[in-house]
Protein backbone atom coordinates (compact mmCIF):
# COMPACT_ATOMS: atom_id res chain seq x y z
CA MET A 1 -19.30 -19.91 11.54
CA LEU A 2 -16.50 -22.12 10.25
CA GLY A 3 -17.49 -21.31 6.67
CA ALA A 4 -17.28 -17.59 7.36
CA LEU A 5 -13.95 -18.08 9.03
CA ALA A 6 -12.59 -20.02 6.14
CA ALA A 7 -13.97 -17.53 3.54
CA GLY A 8 -12.28 -14.61 5.27
CA GLY A 9 -9.04 -16.45 5.74
CA VAL A 10 -8.90 -17.55 2.11
CA SER A 11 -9.55 -14.00 0.96
CA GLY A 12 -6.85 -12.67 3.28
CA VAL A 13 -4.21 -15.11 2.19
CA GLY A 14 -5.09 -14.64 -1.45
CA MET A 15 -4.93 -10.84 -1.28
CA ALA A 16 -1.61 -10.97 0.57
CA LEU A 17 -0.16 -13.07 -2.26
CA ALA A 18 -1.01 -10.27 -4.74
CA PHE A 19 1.64 -8.03 -3.01
CA PRO A 20 5.39 -8.33 -2.81
CA PRO A 21 7.13 -10.61 -2.12
CA ALA A 22 4.87 -13.12 -3.94
CA ASP A 23 3.57 -10.32 -6.11
CA TRP A 24 0.80 -12.28 -7.94
CA GLY A 25 -1.04 -9.05 -8.87
CA PRO A 26 -3.82 -10.62 -11.07
CA LEU A 27 -4.91 -12.68 -8.04
CA ALA A 28 -6.28 -9.48 -6.46
CA PHE A 29 -9.24 -9.52 -8.90
CA ILE A 30 -10.67 -12.74 -7.41
CA ALA A 31 -9.06 -12.92 -3.97
CA LEU A 32 -11.94 -11.13 -2.27
CA VAL A 33 -14.69 -13.24 -3.73
CA PRO A 34 -15.14 -15.56 -0.70
CA LEU A 35 -15.44 -12.44 1.58
CA ALA A 36 -17.74 -10.75 -0.89
CA LEU A 37 -20.06 -13.78 -0.90
CA VAL A 38 -20.30 -13.64 2.92
CA PHE A 39 -21.04 -9.89 2.63
CA ARG A 40 -23.67 -10.54 0.04
CA ARG A 41 -25.40 -13.16 2.16
CA ALA A 42 -25.33 -10.92 5.19
CA GLY A 43 -27.01 -8.15 3.20
CA ALA A 44 -29.73 -10.40 1.91
CA VAL A 45 -30.53 -12.48 4.97
CA ARG A 46 -31.06 -10.87 8.37
CA GLY A 47 -29.20 -12.43 11.31
CA ARG A 48 -26.03 -13.02 9.21
CA LYS A 49 -24.05 -10.03 10.39
CA GLY A 50 -22.24 -12.12 12.95
CA GLN A 51 -20.87 -14.31 10.14
CA LEU A 52 -19.69 -11.21 8.26
CA ALA A 53 -17.91 -9.97 11.38
CA ILE A 54 -16.14 -13.28 11.69
CA ALA A 55 -15.22 -13.36 7.99
CA ALA A 56 -13.96 -9.71 8.00
CA THR A 57 -11.91 -10.37 11.13
CA ALA A 58 -10.34 -13.48 9.60
CA PHE A 59 -9.61 -11.55 6.41
CA GLY A 60 -7.92 -8.68 8.17
CA LEU A 61 -5.87 -10.72 10.57
CA SER A 62 -4.54 -13.07 7.82
CA PHE A 63 -4.03 -10.32 5.21
CA PHE A 64 -2.12 -7.88 7.40
CA ALA A 65 -0.21 -10.53 9.33
CA LEU A 66 1.11 -11.88 6.00
CA LEU A 67 1.66 -8.51 4.42
CA LEU A 68 3.49 -6.83 7.31
CA PRO A 69 5.74 -9.43 9.09
CA TRP A 70 8.60 -6.93 8.79
CA LEU A 71 6.94 -4.85 11.50
CA HIS A 72 8.29 -7.34 14.06
CA LEU A 73 11.70 -5.77 13.42
CA PHE A 74 10.30 -2.85 15.41
CA GLY A 75 8.96 -5.08 18.17
CA LEU A 76 6.31 -7.79 18.42
CA ALA A 77 3.97 -5.33 20.08
CA ALA A 78 4.09 -3.07 17.05
CA TYR A 79 3.38 -5.94 14.65
CA LEU A 80 0.37 -7.23 16.62
CA LEU A 81 -1.02 -3.78 17.34
CA VAL A 82 -0.97 -2.59 13.74
CA THR A 83 -2.43 -5.84 12.53
CA VAL A 84 -5.36 -5.60 14.96
CA ILE A 85 -6.00 -1.88 14.34
CA GLU A 86 -6.03 -2.23 10.57
CA THR A 87 -8.32 -5.29 10.88
CA GLY A 88 -10.66 -3.19 13.00
CA PHE A 89 -11.10 -0.76 10.12
CA VAL A 90 -12.00 -3.55 7.68
CA VAL A 91 -14.56 -5.02 10.07
CA ALA A 92 -16.14 -1.65 10.88
CA ALA A 93 -16.38 -0.65 7.22
CA LEU A 94 -17.94 -3.89 6.02
CA MET A 95 -20.42 -3.91 8.87
CA LEU A 96 -21.59 -0.39 7.90
CA GLY A 97 -21.59 -1.50 4.29
CA VAL A 98 -23.91 -4.38 4.83
CA PHE A 99 -26.31 -2.03 6.64
CA ALA A 100 -26.26 0.26 3.62
CA ARG A 101 -26.71 -2.64 1.21
CA ARG A 102 -30.12 -3.44 2.69
CA HIS A 103 -31.42 -0.05 1.73
CA LEU A 104 -30.33 -0.17 -1.88
CA PRO A 105 -32.70 -1.11 -4.68
CA GLY A 106 -32.05 -4.03 -7.02
CA ARG A 107 -28.57 -4.43 -8.55
CA TRP A 108 -27.32 -1.15 -6.96
CA ALA A 109 -26.78 -3.27 -3.85
CA LEU A 110 -23.70 -4.68 -5.53
CA LEU A 111 -21.91 -1.34 -5.05
CA ALA A 112 -22.15 -1.57 -1.27
CA PHE A 113 -19.14 -3.90 -1.10
CA PRO A 114 -16.58 -1.78 -3.04
CA VAL A 115 -17.85 1.45 -1.44
CA ALA A 116 -17.49 -0.03 2.04
CA PHE A 117 -14.05 -1.44 1.22
CA LEU A 118 -12.77 1.86 -0.06
CA VAL A 119 -14.20 3.90 2.77
CA GLY A 120 -12.43 1.59 5.25
CA GLU A 121 -9.18 1.79 3.22
CA TYR A 122 -9.32 5.56 3.11
CA ALA A 123 -10.09 5.87 6.81
CA ARG A 124 -7.27 3.66 7.95
CA SER A 125 -4.85 5.53 5.69
CA HIS A 126 -5.44 8.69 7.70
CA ILE A 127 -6.29 7.71 11.28
CA PRO A 128 -5.14 7.22 13.94
CA VAL A 129 -1.82 9.24 14.24
CA GLY A 130 -1.78 9.92 10.52
CA GLY A 131 -2.92 6.50 9.48
CA PHE A 132 -1.15 3.55 7.81
CA PRO A 133 -1.73 3.19 4.01
CA TRP A 134 0.13 -0.11 3.54
CA GLY A 135 -2.03 -2.81 1.94
CA GLY A 136 -4.26 -0.58 -0.13
CA LEU A 137 -5.80 -2.85 -2.80
CA GLY A 138 -4.60 -0.61 -5.65
CA TYR A 139 -0.91 -1.16 -4.86
CA SER A 140 -1.32 -4.82 -5.93
CA GLN A 141 -1.50 -3.50 -9.52
CA HIS A 142 1.82 -1.65 -9.42
CA ASN A 143 3.11 -3.71 -12.41
CA ASN A 144 -0.11 -3.36 -14.46
CA PRO A 145 0.42 -0.19 -16.63
CA ALA A 146 -3.01 -0.59 -18.34
CA VAL A 147 -4.97 -0.47 -15.10
CA LEU A 148 -2.72 2.30 -13.76
CA HIS A 149 -4.10 4.73 -16.36
CA LEU A 150 -7.00 5.05 -13.90
CA ALA A 151 -4.69 6.34 -11.15
CA ALA A 152 -4.01 9.52 -13.15
CA TYR A 153 -7.69 10.39 -12.67
CA THR A 154 -8.61 8.97 -9.25
CA GLY A 155 -5.38 8.26 -7.54
CA VAL A 156 -4.71 4.77 -6.10
CA TRP A 157 -8.22 4.95 -4.62
CA GLY A 158 -9.88 4.40 -7.98
CA VAL A 159 -7.74 1.31 -8.62
CA SER A 160 -8.72 -0.11 -5.25
CA PHE A 161 -12.41 0.58 -6.02
CA LEU A 162 -12.02 -1.19 -9.40
CA ILE A 163 -10.55 -4.25 -7.73
CA ALA A 164 -13.23 -4.48 -5.17
CA THR A 165 -15.97 -3.97 -7.79
CA VAL A 166 -14.61 -6.77 -9.97
CA ASN A 167 -14.56 -9.09 -6.88
CA ALA A 168 -18.15 -8.12 -6.13
CA LEU A 169 -19.19 -8.92 -9.70
CA VAL A 170 -17.44 -12.28 -9.68
CA ALA A 171 -19.12 -13.03 -6.31
CA GLU A 172 -22.47 -12.20 -7.90
CA ALA A 173 -21.71 -14.61 -10.75
CA ALA A 174 -20.70 -17.30 -8.29
CA ALA A 175 -23.99 -16.79 -6.36
CA GLY A 176 -25.85 -17.14 -9.65
CA ALA A 177 -24.05 -20.38 -10.44
CA TRP A 178 -25.09 -21.69 -7.09
CA ALA A 179 -28.66 -20.76 -7.81
CA VAL A 180 -28.47 -22.87 -11.02
CA LEU A 181 -27.25 -25.82 -9.00
CA ARG A 182 -30.36 -25.43 -6.93
CA HIS A 183 -32.52 -25.57 -10.04
CA ARG A 184 -33.50 -21.91 -10.36
CA PRO A 185 -35.12 -20.65 -13.65
CA ALA A 186 -32.87 -20.33 -16.67
CA GLY A 187 -33.56 -16.60 -17.08
CA LEU A 188 -32.26 -15.93 -13.61
CA ALA A 189 -29.11 -17.93 -14.40
CA ALA A 190 -28.36 -15.83 -17.50
CA TRP A 191 -28.61 -12.58 -15.52
CA SER A 192 -26.78 -13.85 -12.44
CA ILE A 193 -23.83 -15.44 -14.19
CA ALA A 194 -23.21 -14.07 -17.63
CA LEU A 195 -23.75 -10.34 -17.10
CA PRO A 196 -21.63 -9.93 -13.94
CA LEU A 197 -18.80 -11.88 -15.57
CA VAL A 198 -18.99 -9.82 -18.77
CA LEU A 199 -18.94 -6.58 -16.74
CA ALA A 200 -15.96 -7.78 -14.62
CA ALA A 201 -14.06 -8.83 -17.75
CA ALA A 202 -14.71 -5.47 -19.37
CA LEU A 203 -13.82 -3.39 -16.32
CA ILE A 204 -10.29 -4.73 -15.92
CA PRO A 205 -8.87 -3.52 -19.30
CA ALA A 206 -11.13 -0.49 -19.55
CA PRO A 207 -8.67 1.97 -17.84
CA ALA A 208 -6.25 1.53 -20.74
CA LEU A 209 -8.65 3.50 -22.88
CA LEU A 210 -8.23 6.57 -20.73
CA PRO A 211 -5.82 9.21 -22.23
CA VAL A 212 -2.88 10.08 -20.03
CA PRO A 213 -0.08 12.72 -20.48
CA THR A 214 3.57 11.94 -21.13
CA PRO A 215 6.37 14.18 -19.88
CA HIS A 216 7.83 16.20 -22.79
CA GLY A 217 9.85 18.71 -20.76
CA ALA A 218 13.59 19.20 -20.53
CA PRO A 219 15.72 16.12 -19.89
CA ALA A 220 17.94 15.72 -16.85
CA THR A 221 20.45 13.04 -15.77
CA ILE A 222 19.97 12.09 -12.10
CA ALA A 223 22.63 10.20 -10.18
CA LEU A 224 21.13 8.03 -7.34
CA VAL A 225 23.87 7.01 -4.93
CA GLN A 226 23.34 3.92 -2.81
CA GLY A 227 26.31 3.77 -0.49
CA ASN A 228 25.05 0.82 1.65
CA ALA A 229 25.54 2.29 5.08
CA PRO A 230 26.49 -0.15 7.91
CA ASN A 231 23.58 -2.30 9.16
CA GLU A 232 24.97 -2.69 12.65
CA ASP A 233 24.93 0.25 15.09
CA PRO A 234 28.37 0.75 16.67
CA ALA A 235 28.68 1.96 20.24
CA ASP A 236 29.66 5.38 18.95
CA PRO A 237 26.80 6.91 16.94
CA HIS A 238 29.23 9.46 15.36
CA ALA A 239 31.27 6.50 14.01
CA LEU A 240 28.08 5.28 12.29
CA ASP A 241 27.48 8.73 10.82
CA GLN A 242 31.01 8.85 9.56
CA ALA A 243 30.81 5.34 8.07
CA ALA A 244 27.62 6.18 6.23
CA LEU A 245 29.15 9.37 4.87
CA ASP A 246 32.34 7.51 3.76
CA ASP A 247 30.16 4.94 1.84
CA GLN A 248 28.36 7.73 -0.04
CA VAL A 249 31.60 9.51 -0.81
CA ALA A 250 33.25 6.38 -2.12
CA GLU A 251 30.36 5.53 -4.46
CA THR A 252 30.09 9.10 -5.65
CA GLN A 253 33.67 9.10 -6.87
CA ALA A 254 32.53 7.08 -9.91
CA LEU A 255 30.71 10.25 -11.15
CA ALA A 256 33.98 12.13 -11.63
CA GLY A 257 34.21 13.38 -15.20
CA ARG A 258 30.60 12.48 -16.01
CA LYS A 259 27.89 14.94 -16.92
CA VAL A 260 25.03 14.72 -14.43
CA ASP A 261 22.47 17.36 -13.60
CA LEU A 262 21.64 16.27 -10.04
CA VAL A 263 23.13 13.90 -7.47
CA VAL A 264 20.92 12.34 -4.77
CA TRP A 265 22.25 11.14 -1.44
CA PRO A 266 19.38 9.35 0.31
CA GLU A 267 17.75 9.94 3.63
CA SER A 268 20.19 9.71 6.56
CA SER A 269 23.29 9.91 4.42
CA VAL A 270 24.52 12.47 6.98
CA GLY A 271 23.55 11.43 10.49
CA HIS A 272 23.76 14.81 12.20
CA ASP A 273 24.13 18.49 11.24
CA PRO A 274 27.04 18.74 8.79
CA PHE A 275 27.36 22.48 9.41
CA THR A 276 28.45 21.83 13.00
CA ASP A 277 30.97 19.07 12.20
CA PRO A 278 33.81 19.68 9.73
CA ALA A 279 34.46 15.92 9.58
CA LEU A 280 31.07 15.59 7.82
CA LEU A 281 30.96 18.89 5.94
CA ASP A 282 34.37 18.82 4.35
CA PRO A 283 34.07 15.48 2.51
CA LEU A 284 30.51 16.42 1.56
CA LEU A 285 31.59 19.65 -0.08
CA ALA A 286 34.60 18.01 -1.66
CA SER A 287 32.26 15.48 -3.38
CA ILE A 288 29.98 18.22 -4.61
CA ARG A 289 32.82 20.24 -6.09
CA ALA A 290 34.48 17.22 -7.67
CA THR A 291 31.22 16.23 -9.34
CA GLY A 292 30.30 19.71 -10.43
CA ALA A 293 26.59 19.15 -9.96
CA PRO A 294 23.87 20.14 -7.45
CA PHE A 295 23.28 17.67 -4.66
CA ILE A 296 20.23 16.59 -2.56
CA VAL A 297 21.56 15.26 0.77
CA GLY A 298 19.46 13.56 3.45
CA ALA A 299 20.47 14.74 6.91
CA THR A 300 19.27 14.33 10.50
CA VAL A 301 19.54 17.69 12.16
CA PRO A 302 19.15 18.36 15.91
CA ALA A 303 16.31 20.69 16.78
CA PRO A 304 15.36 22.62 19.90
CA ALA A 305 12.61 21.40 22.21
CA VAL A 306 9.07 22.41 21.28
CA PRO A 307 6.72 24.13 23.74
CA GLY A 308 4.86 21.71 25.87
CA SER A 309 7.46 18.94 25.51
CA ASP A 310 9.02 17.16 28.51
CA GLY A 311 12.30 19.08 27.91
CA HIS A 312 14.33 15.83 28.25
CA THR A 313 13.65 13.96 24.99
CA PRO A 314 16.05 14.99 22.20
CA ARG A 315 14.42 16.56 19.19
CA PHE A 316 15.47 16.43 15.48
CA ARG A 317 14.42 17.27 11.98
CA ASN A 318 14.58 14.90 9.04
CA GLU A 319 15.73 17.13 6.15
CA SER A 320 16.67 17.13 2.51
CA LEU A 321 19.46 19.71 1.99
CA TYR A 322 19.83 21.17 -1.48
CA PHE A 323 23.36 22.28 -2.42
CA SER A 324 24.47 24.12 -5.53
CA ALA A 325 27.35 22.78 -7.72
CA THR A 326 29.68 25.08 -5.77
CA GLY A 327 28.64 23.82 -2.40
CA SER A 328 26.41 26.64 -1.22
CA LEU A 329 23.17 25.69 0.49
CA LEU A 330 20.20 26.61 -1.74
CA GLY A 331 17.40 25.35 0.43
CA ARG A 332 16.12 22.68 2.69
CA TYR A 333 12.94 20.60 3.05
CA VAL A 334 11.82 19.27 6.46
CA LYS A 335 9.91 16.02 6.38
CA MET A 336 6.21 16.71 7.11
CA HIS A 337 4.80 13.24 7.77
CA LEU A 338 6.84 11.48 10.40
CA VAL A 339 6.57 7.77 11.20
CA PRO A 340 4.68 7.26 14.52
CA PHE A 341 6.71 5.01 16.87
CA GLY A 342 9.61 5.24 14.41
CA GLU A 343 10.50 8.93 14.25
CA TYR A 344 8.45 10.01 17.27
CA VAL A 345 6.33 8.51 20.07
CA PRO A 346 2.75 9.77 20.29
CA GLY A 347 1.95 10.26 24.01
CA ARG A 348 5.45 9.41 25.04
CA ARG A 349 5.10 10.67 28.57
CA TRP A 350 2.20 8.22 29.21
CA LEU A 351 3.49 5.23 27.26
CA ALA A 352 7.25 5.21 27.93
CA GLY A 353 6.99 3.94 31.51
CA TRP A 354 5.29 0.68 30.59
CA ILE A 355 6.29 -0.11 26.99
CA LYS A 356 10.10 -0.73 27.17
CA GLU A 357 10.38 -1.19 23.35
CA LEU A 358 9.84 2.55 23.00
CA ASP A 359 13.41 2.98 24.16
CA ARG A 360 14.36 2.12 20.56
CA VAL A 361 13.00 5.57 19.68
CA PRO A 362 15.10 7.85 21.93
CA ALA A 363 14.34 11.12 20.11
CA ASP A 364 11.27 12.74 18.71
CA GLY A 365 11.15 14.37 15.24
CA ILE A 366 9.69 17.77 14.57
CA PRO A 367 7.64 17.79 11.43
CA GLY A 368 7.88 20.42 8.70
CA THR A 369 4.79 22.49 7.89
CA SER A 370 4.80 22.88 4.12
CA PRO A 371 6.09 21.29 0.92
CA THR A 372 9.32 22.76 -0.53
CA VAL A 373 9.93 22.51 -4.27
CA PHE A 374 13.49 22.90 -5.64
CA ARG A 375 14.69 23.95 -9.05
CA LEU A 376 17.53 22.92 -11.32
CA ALA A 377 18.76 26.34 -12.31
CA GLN A 378 20.05 25.43 -15.81
CA THR A 379 17.01 23.32 -16.74
CA PRO A 380 13.84 24.94 -18.14
CA GLY A 381 10.89 23.97 -16.01
CA GLY A 382 13.18 21.98 -13.80
CA TRP A 383 11.12 22.02 -10.62
CA PHE A 384 11.35 18.89 -8.48
CA ALA A 385 10.23 17.55 -5.08
CA SER A 386 12.34 15.66 -2.57
CA VAL A 387 9.86 13.35 -0.77
CA ILE A 388 11.32 11.63 2.25
CA CYS A 389 10.72 7.91 2.84
CA TYR A 390 7.30 7.10 4.44
CA GLU A 391 5.84 10.17 2.77
CA THR A 392 5.61 8.40 -0.56
CA ALA A 393 2.85 6.23 0.91
CA TYR A 394 0.54 9.24 1.05
CA PRO A 395 -0.81 10.21 -2.37
CA GLU A 396 -2.30 13.47 -1.16
CA LEU A 397 0.98 14.60 0.29
CA VAL A 398 2.92 13.96 -2.95
CA GLN A 399 0.03 15.68 -4.79
CA ARG A 400 0.72 18.82 -2.59
CA PHE A 401 4.24 19.03 -4.03
CA VAL A 402 2.83 18.83 -7.53
CA ALA A 403 0.30 21.52 -6.75
CA HIS A 404 3.29 23.68 -5.62
CA GLY A 405 4.92 23.17 -9.05
CA ALA A 406 6.99 19.99 -8.82
CA ARG A 407 7.32 18.21 -12.20
CA LEU A 408 9.70 15.45 -11.11
CA ILE A 409 9.50 13.36 -7.90
CA ILE A 410 12.58 12.23 -5.99
CA VAL A 411 11.96 9.83 -3.08
CA SER A 412 14.82 9.68 -0.57
CA THR A 413 14.72 6.81 1.95
CA ASP A 414 16.72 4.93 4.52
CA ASN A 415 15.43 1.33 4.47
CA SER A 416 18.20 -0.15 6.56
CA SER A 417 15.82 -0.91 9.45
CA TYR A 418 13.78 -3.14 7.19
CA ALA A 419 16.72 -5.54 6.79
CA ARG A 420 16.08 -7.98 3.89
CA SER A 421 12.29 -8.11 4.31
CA ALA A 422 9.67 -7.37 1.65
CA ALA A 423 9.15 -3.81 3.03
CA SER A 424 11.66 -2.27 0.57
CA ALA A 425 9.99 -3.95 -2.46
CA GLN A 426 6.58 -2.82 -1.15
CA MET A 427 7.82 0.75 -0.91
CA VAL A 428 8.93 0.66 -4.58
CA ALA A 429 5.45 -0.59 -5.45
CA ILE A 430 3.97 2.35 -3.61
CA SER A 431 6.17 4.77 -5.45
CA GLN A 432 5.11 3.23 -8.78
CA LEU A 433 1.53 4.35 -7.97
CA ARG A 434 2.81 7.87 -7.27
CA ALA A 435 4.38 7.94 -10.72
CA ALA A 436 1.18 6.71 -12.38
CA GLU A 437 -0.97 9.20 -10.47
CA GLU A 438 1.10 12.24 -11.45
CA ARG A 439 2.40 10.78 -14.80
CA MET A 440 5.84 11.93 -13.79
CA TRP A 441 9.19 10.22 -13.49
CA VAL A 442 9.91 9.04 -9.89
CA THR A 443 13.45 8.20 -8.80
CA GLN A 444 13.87 6.49 -5.46
CA ALA A 445 17.21 6.60 -3.72
CA ALA A 446 17.60 4.23 -0.77
CA ILE A 447 20.70 4.22 1.36
CA THR A 448 20.73 0.37 1.52
CA GLY A 449 18.30 -0.34 -1.36
CA ILE A 450 16.06 -0.85 -3.11
CA SER A 451 16.82 2.24 -5.27
CA ALA A 452 14.71 2.45 -8.38
CA VAL A 453 13.89 4.47 -11.49
CA ILE A 454 10.16 4.53 -12.23
CA ALA A 455 8.67 5.70 -15.57
CA PRO A 456 5.53 7.85 -15.63
CA ASP A 457 3.37 4.83 -16.47
CA GLY A 458 4.51 3.09 -13.27
CA ARG A 459 7.07 0.70 -14.83
CA VAL A 460 10.30 0.13 -12.99
CA VAL A 461 12.97 0.64 -15.64
CA ALA A 462 16.04 0.16 -13.35
CA GLN A 463 16.61 -0.88 -9.73
CA THR A 464 19.34 -1.97 -7.35
CA GLY A 465 19.63 -4.89 -4.95
CA LEU A 466 19.69 -4.73 -1.17
CA PHE A 467 22.75 -3.97 0.95
CA ARG A 468 25.24 -3.45 -1.82
CA PRO A 469 26.86 -0.24 -3.13
CA ALA A 470 25.24 0.87 -6.36
CA LEU A 471 24.85 3.86 -8.67
CA LEU A 472 21.96 4.61 -11.02
CA THR A 473 22.20 7.42 -13.55
CA PRO A 474 18.94 7.65 -15.44
CA THR A 475 18.05 10.43 -17.87
CA VAL A 476 14.50 11.54 -17.21
CA ARG A 477 12.23 14.34 -18.42
CA PHE A 478 10.32 16.94 -16.49
CA ALA A 479 6.58 16.92 -16.92
CA THR A 480 4.86 19.82 -18.63
CA THR A 481 1.29 19.04 -17.60
CA THR A 482 -0.50 17.65 -14.59
CA THR A 483 -3.11 14.92 -14.35
CA LEU A 484 -6.68 15.20 -13.05
CA TYR A 485 -5.47 13.71 -9.83
CA GLY A 486 -2.46 16.11 -9.73
CA ARG A 487 -4.87 19.07 -9.95
CA PHE A 488 -7.67 17.91 -7.67
CA GLY A 489 -6.16 15.32 -5.34
CA ASP A 490 -8.39 12.99 -3.35
CA TRP A 491 -11.70 13.97 -5.00
CA PHE A 492 -12.65 10.32 -5.76
CA PRO A 493 -12.48 8.83 -2.22
CA VAL A 494 -14.25 11.87 -0.86
CA LEU A 495 -17.00 11.38 -3.40
CA VAL A 496 -17.30 7.72 -2.58
CA LEU A 497 -17.34 8.60 1.17
CA LEU A 498 -20.27 10.97 0.55
CA ILE A 499 -22.07 8.30 -1.50
CA GLY A 500 -21.34 5.71 1.19
CA THR A 501 -22.89 8.04 3.77
CA ALA A 502 -25.90 8.53 1.60
CA LEU A 503 -26.26 4.80 1.10
CA ALA A 504 -26.25 4.21 4.77
CA ILE A 505 -29.46 6.27 5.14
CA PRO A 506 -32.68 4.44 4.32
CA TRP A 507 -33.80 5.99 0.98
CA ARG A 508 -37.34 4.65 0.80
CA PRO A 509 -40.23 6.63 2.23
CA ARG A 510 -41.84 5.15 5.30
CA GLY A 511 -45.00 4.42 3.39
CA ALA A 512 -43.13 2.49 0.74
CA GLY A 513 -41.51 0.34 3.43
CA ILE A 514 -44.95 -0.39 4.97
CA ALA A 515 -46.42 -1.23 1.61
CA ALA A 516 -43.52 -3.54 0.81
CA ALA A 517 -44.01 -5.32 4.13
CA GLY A 518 -47.69 -5.75 3.32
CA GLU A 519 -46.80 -7.29 -0.03
CA ARG A 520 -44.47 -9.75 1.59
CA ALA A 521 -47.14 -10.70 4.13
CA ALA A 522 -49.64 -11.25 1.38
């Protein structure tokens, strides 16, 4: 029991170190080996499932606790609840996986671990209340352009599967080495040590051989304005809105006389509807006309109550407003994937009475229903998406924008609530995977940082610091083609899910099982 506990804990700590802030990405390829060894043992020896449950629990609790300490900024209850829920998915997936492993012939049993891990990762990224994708194994490779070639075909899911497979192979080699120490035959040692290690070593660089497209479309200069809104909420919320706007206006003045094709003011740059408040609208329009370029502006807009609501909780929409160079409104996108317990409270009427921390979320957002793609009128093929904050964590959502014609991705976010934690760096890492999946430029504008410019291969070519005014003006190119992932979305995890379901069903005929039992008895 203590060995299983230690194995899971070591794997959890090791995997957490592969993510920001430590960001030791290569460690991900061996961090899961202790956990995989417990999984392997549980699949080969009956009565060991309890040890796997202990190891998986230790892994999940240590990994998510170390990865997500910034969640305590939203309350200790949120931090503990998310850690426990995400751990539950890991435990359930590995327990199902070890059941499937026992029905697989020969060396095919090795696939049970990566299949189980990916099924659990995919499930927790979608349920409950929309899921929580943070901590997907593939994000640990955000600075590995060679491995990220795979993302253009399979999305981040294929990178996660690759990492889990390499760990399973190294675990197989470690088990073989242990067999040698116990004086097993030399032939067995050659198979159990050399071959898994050779396969693992070959798999890691293999994605670099996959061809990927490069954007060759029209160029555009994008101005990302980081105004550094106040981090302390004043008693008057309108004063906060005005201060945030003033910061954006002041930083935008540096663009006067410069040729830019699009200016991006991040999420929450305008705290309420500018069309109802001249104090907000007038300086916004003045900045647009002075710059002479179209603007994307993040705004929080009040919304009417929805049918079935309590009628007392204020409602709002989180929007990206698209203005022409003359200040006319060309369109708007309403954020589709809202943050549960951040932008709305699921089951508010039942929970609000006994969880006082929910008072920090006084209003509920109303989600949009479809992706909106904008166009730079003077740029051939200049279609782009304005993804809002948390939405960048969902590859299938960004892929929907691409399917609707977007050839450049702009991520607009307000990270002020994350303070100086690792959450902002982790969000940039997530956006790096979106760039690699679609092979498109991604520009991320954050109101307090980190703002970043991400090349189509996932490399960060420019970024800002936290809580300081900044301006990035990269020249990027629109994509002219789409990747396999951009065309077909989450085909890979769905395929793995189907395979995993098939593996969970005993494949041998009943007679074969009886015959095998007779052979063992003999």
